Protein backbone atom coordinates (compact mmCIF):
# COMPACT_ATOMS: atom_id res chain seq x y z
CA MET A 1 1.71 3.83 -26.90
CA ASN A 2 1.64 7.08 -24.79
CA PHE A 3 2.39 6.94 -21.10
CA ASP A 4 -0.21 9.37 -19.14
CA LYS A 5 -1.95 9.29 -16.62
CA THR A 6 -4.60 8.04 -18.69
CA ILE A 7 -3.43 4.97 -18.89
CA LYS A 8 -5.23 3.90 -16.07
CA ASN A 9 -8.26 3.66 -18.34
CA LYS A 10 -6.88 2.17 -21.61
CA LYS A 11 -7.41 -1.42 -21.16
CA LYS A 12 -8.89 -2.28 -24.63
CA GLU A 13 -5.43 -0.76 -25.73
CA LEU A 14 -3.46 -2.23 -23.48
CA LEU A 15 -5.04 -5.99 -24.13
CA SER A 16 -4.50 -5.06 -28.09
CA TYR A 17 -0.51 -4.42 -27.36
CA PHE A 18 -0.11 -7.57 -25.57
CA ARG A 19 -1.82 -9.77 -27.76
CA ASN A 20 0.25 -8.51 -30.50
CA ARG A 21 3.25 -8.99 -28.48
CA ALA A 22 1.94 -12.56 -27.68
CA SER A 23 1.62 -13.16 -31.36
CA GLU A 24 4.95 -12.44 -32.37
CA PHE A 25 6.22 -14.33 -29.45
CA LEU A 26 4.02 -17.45 -30.17
CA THR A 27 5.83 -17.45 -33.97
CA ASN A 28 9.08 -17.90 -32.72
CA ILE A 29 8.20 -20.05 -29.87
CA LYS A 30 6.69 -22.46 -32.04
CA GLU A 31 9.78 -22.20 -34.45
CA LYS A 32 11.72 -23.40 -31.84
CA PHE A 33 10.15 -25.81 -29.63
CA SER A 34 7.35 -28.48 -31.10
CA GLU A 35 4.28 -29.42 -30.34
CA THR A 36 5.05 -32.30 -27.76
CA GLN A 37 7.07 -29.59 -26.01
CA SER A 38 4.25 -27.63 -24.60
CA ASP A 39 5.84 -27.02 -21.14
CA LYS A 40 8.73 -25.38 -22.84
CA ARG A 41 6.57 -23.20 -25.12
CA SER A 42 4.37 -22.23 -21.95
CA ARG A 43 7.69 -21.35 -19.71
CA ALA A 44 8.85 -19.12 -23.14
CA ILE A 45 5.81 -17.43 -23.78
CA ASN A 46 5.36 -16.46 -20.14
CA GLU A 47 9.05 -15.10 -19.66
CA LYS A 48 8.75 -13.20 -22.83
CA LEU A 49 5.19 -11.53 -21.58
CA ASN A 50 6.94 -10.77 -18.45
CA GLN A 51 9.42 -8.98 -19.93
CA THR A 52 7.13 -7.25 -22.02
CA LYS A 53 4.97 -6.34 -18.81
CA ASP A 54 7.95 -5.59 -16.85
CA ASN A 55 9.23 -3.21 -19.70
CA LEU A 56 6.17 -1.13 -19.97
CA ILE A 57 6.38 -0.63 -16.12
CA ALA A 58 10.15 0.06 -15.98
CA THR A 59 9.01 3.07 -18.81
CA LEU A 60 5.99 4.38 -17.08
CA LEU A 61 7.47 5.13 -13.89
CA GLN A 62 10.36 6.63 -15.62
CA HIS A 63 7.58 8.99 -17.34
CA ALA A 64 5.23 9.17 -13.61
CA ASP A 65 9.38 10.05 -12.20
CA LYS A 66 9.35 13.15 -14.39
CA GLU A 67 6.02 14.31 -14.46
CA LYS A 68 5.61 14.03 -10.44
CA TRP A 69 2.93 11.26 -10.51
CA THR A 70 0.77 10.69 -7.06
CA ASN A 71 1.17 6.71 -5.56
CA LYS A 72 -2.40 6.41 -6.16
CA GLU A 73 -1.86 7.84 -10.03
CA ARG A 74 0.98 4.80 -10.44
CA LEU A 75 -1.09 2.25 -8.81
CA GLU A 76 -3.90 2.72 -10.82
CA ALA A 77 -1.91 2.85 -13.76
CA ILE A 78 0.42 -0.37 -12.66
CA LEU A 79 -2.54 -2.47 -11.92
CA MET A 80 -4.00 -1.77 -15.29
CA ILE A 81 -1.22 -2.77 -16.84
CA THR A 82 -0.66 -5.80 -14.51
CA TYR A 83 -4.03 -7.59 -14.76
CA CYS A 84 -4.08 -6.97 -19.07
CA HIS A 85 -0.75 -9.07 -18.87
CA ILE A 86 -2.33 -11.67 -16.61
CA VAL A 87 -5.30 -11.82 -18.89
CA VAL A 88 -3.24 -12.16 -22.08
CA MET A 89 -0.44 -14.12 -20.27
CA ILE A 90 -3.41 -16.68 -19.61
CA GLU A 91 -4.91 -17.09 -23.08
CA SER A 92 -1.41 -17.54 -24.64
CA ARG A 93 -0.51 -19.95 -22.04
CA ASN A 94 -3.83 -22.10 -22.68
CA PHE A 95 -3.56 -21.54 -26.24
CA VAL A 96 0.28 -23.46 -25.78
CA SER A 97 -1.08 -25.99 -23.07
CA PRO A 98 -4.95 -25.95 -22.32
CA TYR A 99 -5.17 -26.04 -18.59
CA GLU A 100 -6.68 -28.34 -16.69
CA TYR A 101 -8.17 -27.25 -12.94
CA MET A 102 -5.39 -28.30 -10.93
CA ASP A 103 -2.50 -26.66 -12.50
CA PHE A 104 -4.66 -23.40 -13.43
CA SER A 105 -6.07 -23.01 -9.84
CA ILE A 106 -2.42 -22.98 -8.57
CA ARG A 107 -1.67 -20.76 -11.57
CA VAL A 108 -4.59 -18.38 -10.60
CA GLY A 109 -3.23 -18.30 -7.08
CA GLU A 110 0.57 -17.18 -7.74
CA LEU A 111 -1.09 -14.20 -9.61
CA TRP A 112 -2.97 -12.66 -7.03
CA ASP A 113 -0.30 -12.82 -4.54
CA PRO A 114 2.21 -10.30 -6.27
CA PHE A 115 -1.22 -8.32 -7.58
CA CYS A 116 -1.95 -7.65 -4.10
CA LYS A 117 1.63 -6.69 -2.88
CA LEU A 118 1.86 -3.72 -5.68
CA CYS A 119 -0.67 -1.96 -3.22
CA PHE A 120 2.39 -2.21 -0.88
CA TYR A 121 4.74 -1.16 -3.39
CA TYR A 122 3.01 2.08 -3.95
CA PRO A 123 1.02 2.86 -0.90
CA TYR A 124 -1.13 5.75 -0.14
CA ASN A 125 -0.11 5.22 3.51
CA ASP A 126 2.90 5.86 5.20
CA VAL A 127 4.21 2.34 4.62
CA THR A 128 7.58 0.88 4.51
CA LEU A 129 9.14 -2.12 3.21
CA PHE A 130 12.46 -3.51 5.30
CA VAL A 131 14.19 -7.01 4.28
CA PRO A 132 13.75 -9.87 6.58
CA PRO A 133 16.19 -11.32 8.63
CA LEU A 134 18.33 -14.14 7.98
CA PHE A 135 17.90 -17.08 9.99
CA SER A 136 21.68 -18.03 10.50
CA GLU A 137 21.70 -14.02 11.99
CA VAL A 138 18.64 -15.00 14.35
CA LYS A 139 20.45 -18.51 15.41
CA THR A 140 23.47 -17.29 15.86
CA LYS A 141 22.29 -14.06 18.27
CA LEU A 142 19.68 -15.74 20.49
CA THR A 143 22.65 -19.03 20.50
CA ASN A 144 25.12 -16.34 21.69
CA GLU A 145 22.25 -14.88 24.26
CA ILE A 146 21.99 -18.63 25.90
CA SER A 147 25.30 -19.03 25.92
CA GLN A 148 26.37 -15.37 28.26
CA TYR A 149 23.47 -16.47 30.50
CA ILE A 150 24.78 -19.79 30.68
CA ASP A 151 27.93 -18.46 31.52
CA LYS A 152 26.71 -16.34 34.73
CA LEU A 153 25.45 -19.29 36.09
CA ASN A 154 27.06 -20.13 39.35
CA ILE A 155 27.50 -23.72 38.13
CA SER A 156 30.13 -25.83 37.40
CA HIS A 157 32.34 -25.76 34.32
CA ASN A 158 30.99 -28.88 32.68
CA GLU A 159 27.18 -28.00 34.18
CA LYS A 160 27.59 -25.40 31.72
CA THR A 161 29.11 -27.18 28.80
CA GLU A 162 26.47 -29.53 29.23
CA LEU A 163 23.34 -26.94 29.27
CA LYS A 164 25.11 -25.34 26.34
CA SER A 165 25.02 -28.77 24.66
CA CYS A 166 21.35 -29.37 25.03
CA TYR A 167 20.23 -26.20 23.97
CA ASN A 168 22.19 -27.17 20.60
CA LYS A 169 20.24 -30.62 20.34
CA VAL A 170 17.09 -28.54 20.93
CA TRP A 171 17.82 -26.47 17.36
CA ASN A 172 18.93 -29.42 16.12
CA LEU A 173 15.54 -30.89 16.74
CA VAL A 174 13.72 -27.59 15.30
CA THR A 175 15.43 -27.89 12.09
CA SER A 176 18.40 -30.10 10.44
CA GLY A 177 18.75 -26.88 7.73
CA GLU A 178 17.90 -23.03 7.39
CA ILE A 179 14.83 -22.22 7.55
CA GLN A 180 13.35 -19.18 5.73
CA LEU A 181 12.05 -16.53 7.30
CA GLU A 182 11.47 -14.37 4.35
CA LEU A 183 7.70 -14.43 3.61
CA ASP A 184 5.66 -12.85 0.81
CA LEU A 185 5.77 -9.23 2.48
CA HIS A 186 7.39 -7.31 4.73
CA PHE A 187 6.42 -3.72 5.93
CA SER A 188 6.57 -1.07 8.54
CA TYR A 189 3.33 1.03 9.71
CA ASN A 190 3.00 3.20 12.51
CA ASN A 191 5.98 1.98 14.14
CA GLN A 192 4.87 -1.59 14.19
CA LYS A 193 6.80 -4.48 11.93
CA TYR A 194 4.55 -7.09 9.96
CA VAL A 195 5.11 -9.84 8.20
CA VAL A 196 2.70 -11.35 5.38
CA ASP A 197 2.38 -14.39 3.79
CA PHE A 198 -0.54 -14.44 1.18
CA LYS A 199 -2.20 -17.70 0.01
CA SER A 200 -5.02 -18.00 -2.40
CA GLY A 201 -6.33 -21.10 -0.23
CA PHE A 202 -5.68 -24.21 1.77
CA GLY A 203 -6.24 -27.47 0.34
CA SER A 204 -6.18 -30.88 1.83
CA ASN A 205 -2.69 -31.10 2.04
CA GLU A 206 -1.57 -27.82 3.65
CA LYS A 207 -0.15 -29.90 7.22
CA GLY A 208 3.52 -29.52 6.43
CA ASN A 209 2.93 -25.73 5.22
CA THR A 210 0.89 -24.90 7.96
CA ASN A 211 3.67 -26.64 10.67
CA ARG A 212 6.16 -24.21 8.55
CA LEU A 213 3.96 -21.25 9.13
CA LEU A 214 3.85 -21.75 12.92
CA LEU A 215 7.49 -22.33 13.39
CA VAL A 216 8.06 -19.51 11.71
CA ALA A 217 5.83 -16.94 13.35
CA THR A 218 6.71 -18.36 16.77
CA ILE A 219 10.34 -17.32 15.59
CA TYR A 220 9.62 -13.76 14.66
CA GLN A 221 7.63 -13.52 17.75
CA ASN A 222 10.62 -14.36 20.04
CA LEU A 223 12.78 -11.29 18.39
CA GLU A 224 13.37 -7.63 19.90
CA ASP A 225 11.63 -6.00 16.86
CA ASN A 226 8.08 -7.39 17.93
CA TYR A 227 7.09 -8.28 14.48
CA LYS A 228 3.41 -9.20 13.64
CA CYS A 229 2.01 -12.09 11.78
CA LEU A 230 -0.63 -11.67 9.01
CA LEU A 231 -2.05 -14.33 6.95
CA LEU A 232 -3.96 -12.93 4.15
CA VAL A 233 -6.23 -15.34 2.05
CA ARG A 234 -8.04 -14.87 -0.55
CA SER A 235 -10.93 -17.48 -0.57
CA GLU A 236 -13.72 -17.08 1.38
CA GLU A 237 -14.01 -21.14 2.29
CA ASN A 238 -11.51 -22.71 4.08
CA ASN A 239 -10.69 -25.55 6.45
CA SER A 240 -9.33 -26.89 9.26
CA TYR A 241 -5.46 -25.59 8.41
CA PHE A 242 -6.51 -22.40 8.35
CA ASN A 243 -8.42 -22.29 11.28
CA THR A 244 -5.27 -24.00 13.03
CA LEU A 245 -3.29 -20.72 12.62
CA LYS A 246 -6.35 -18.41 12.96
CA ASN A 247 -6.35 -20.05 16.38
CA SER A 248 -2.60 -19.66 17.16
CA GLY A 249 -2.28 -16.94 18.73
CA ILE A 250 0.65 -15.93 16.91
CA TRP A 251 -0.96 -15.54 13.25
CA GLN A 252 -3.58 -12.92 12.72
CA ALA A 253 -5.50 -14.95 9.84
CA PHE A 254 -8.22 -13.18 7.55
CA CYS A 255 -9.50 -14.27 4.71
CA GLY A 256 -12.03 -13.15 1.48
CA GLY A 257 -13.60 -9.60 2.22
CA GLU A 258 -11.52 -9.71 5.89
CA THR A 259 -8.00 -9.34 3.43
CA TYR A 260 -8.84 -7.06 1.11
CA GLN A 261 -10.38 -4.95 4.10
CA LYS A 262 -6.88 -5.15 6.09
CA ILE A 263 -5.03 -4.64 2.11
CA HIS A 264 -7.24 -1.14 2.43
CA ASP A 265 -6.36 -0.48 6.04
CA PHE A 266 -2.56 -0.80 5.64
CA SER A 267 -1.94 0.44 2.30
CA GLY A 268 -4.74 2.75 2.00
CA PHE A 269 -5.96 1.58 -1.55
CA ASN A 270 -9.36 -0.25 -2.04
CA LEU A 271 -8.27 -3.20 -3.91
CA LYS A 272 -11.46 -4.88 -3.66
CA GLN A 273 -13.25 -1.93 -5.33
CA TRP A 274 -10.54 -1.14 -8.11
CA ILE A 275 -11.48 -4.85 -9.15
CA GLU A 276 -14.49 -4.85 -9.10
CA THR A 277 -14.57 -1.72 -11.18
CA ASN A 278 -12.28 -2.93 -13.67
CA ILE A 279 -11.87 -6.71 -13.78
CA ASP A 280 -14.33 -8.49 -15.91
CA TRP A 281 -12.59 -11.93 -17.39
CA LYS A 282 -15.71 -13.50 -19.19
CA THR A 283 -15.56 -10.07 -21.16
CA ASP A 284 -11.83 -9.25 -21.15
CA PHE A 285 -10.56 -12.84 -22.05
CA ASN A 286 -10.75 -13.88 -25.69
CA GLU A 287 -13.56 -16.45 -27.13
CA GLU A 288 -11.26 -19.39 -27.25
CA THR A 289 -9.97 -19.30 -24.06
CA ILE A 290 -13.88 -18.21 -22.35
CA GLN A 291 -14.85 -21.38 -24.59
CA HIS A 292 -12.19 -23.79 -22.93
CA PHE A 293 -13.05 -22.46 -19.18
CA THR A 294 -16.98 -22.44 -19.73
CA GLU A 295 -16.62 -26.15 -20.95
CA ASN A 296 -14.00 -27.27 -18.11
CA ASN A 297 -15.53 -25.29 -15.34
CA LEU A 298 -12.40 -23.31 -14.88
CA LEU A 299 -13.84 -19.80 -14.48
CA GLU A 300 -14.75 -20.30 -10.66
CA TYR A 301 -11.07 -20.16 -9.91
CA LEU A 302 -11.27 -16.68 -11.37
CA ILE A 303 -13.16 -14.96 -8.03
CA TRP A 304 -10.93 -12.42 -7.09
């Protein structure tokens, strides 16, 4: 396969390449795992195809570095490779273990999130990624600040000890362990730090996740770095959990078309336009996959 700037238009060639690789992998996987081990077959084919995709992108980036491609040229090529990889991975997984609506809807969300993040890995705008803080570091810093403040108070030693004990009790009420402050994406733009949580949509059992997001955003907003928290949701239709976050005052929440507009605003790339121009699930899937998805009403989950 030739790696030049025209690869962004080589959908058929890329699909053929991934399908040939998948055929090779499936032959070996079927020999290694029996039909009753469909979960192991599924994991194996996904891992193999992920490795193939990573190898293609690594090779492409090496060529891009030598030839000094722009981020636009890199991104459009990587989006096409990634999309063709997703198509064939879904086909292959469906072949070894036909999708049901629940696992397919979850899988589509899992694939959409990293697809969107590519726009920030190769941005047009001056976007810079950063590593999020550790909760243990945040907790230690805040605890030290409170402790130093209490030590300066004109009260007795016993009263200071009691105040510090009460403060530690509050921490214990908040969490019995470590809180994960790492979200899906962390970037700086125009001297502002943003932390982003991507979500495919909100189901009926999102209470725990909603409370976690409220807690995490509250911690970020109380740090000196002045973080802003963005919630970017794929689905246009959401429920009360989404509205709770949107109305919280600590999450800037967007869904559907608004989400793509925000990706465009920050990264400088019109991902929605690229999707409308290049993604055609019904045409790009093989006949077997389309038949299964049509019979089981699964195509509705592929609205990106």
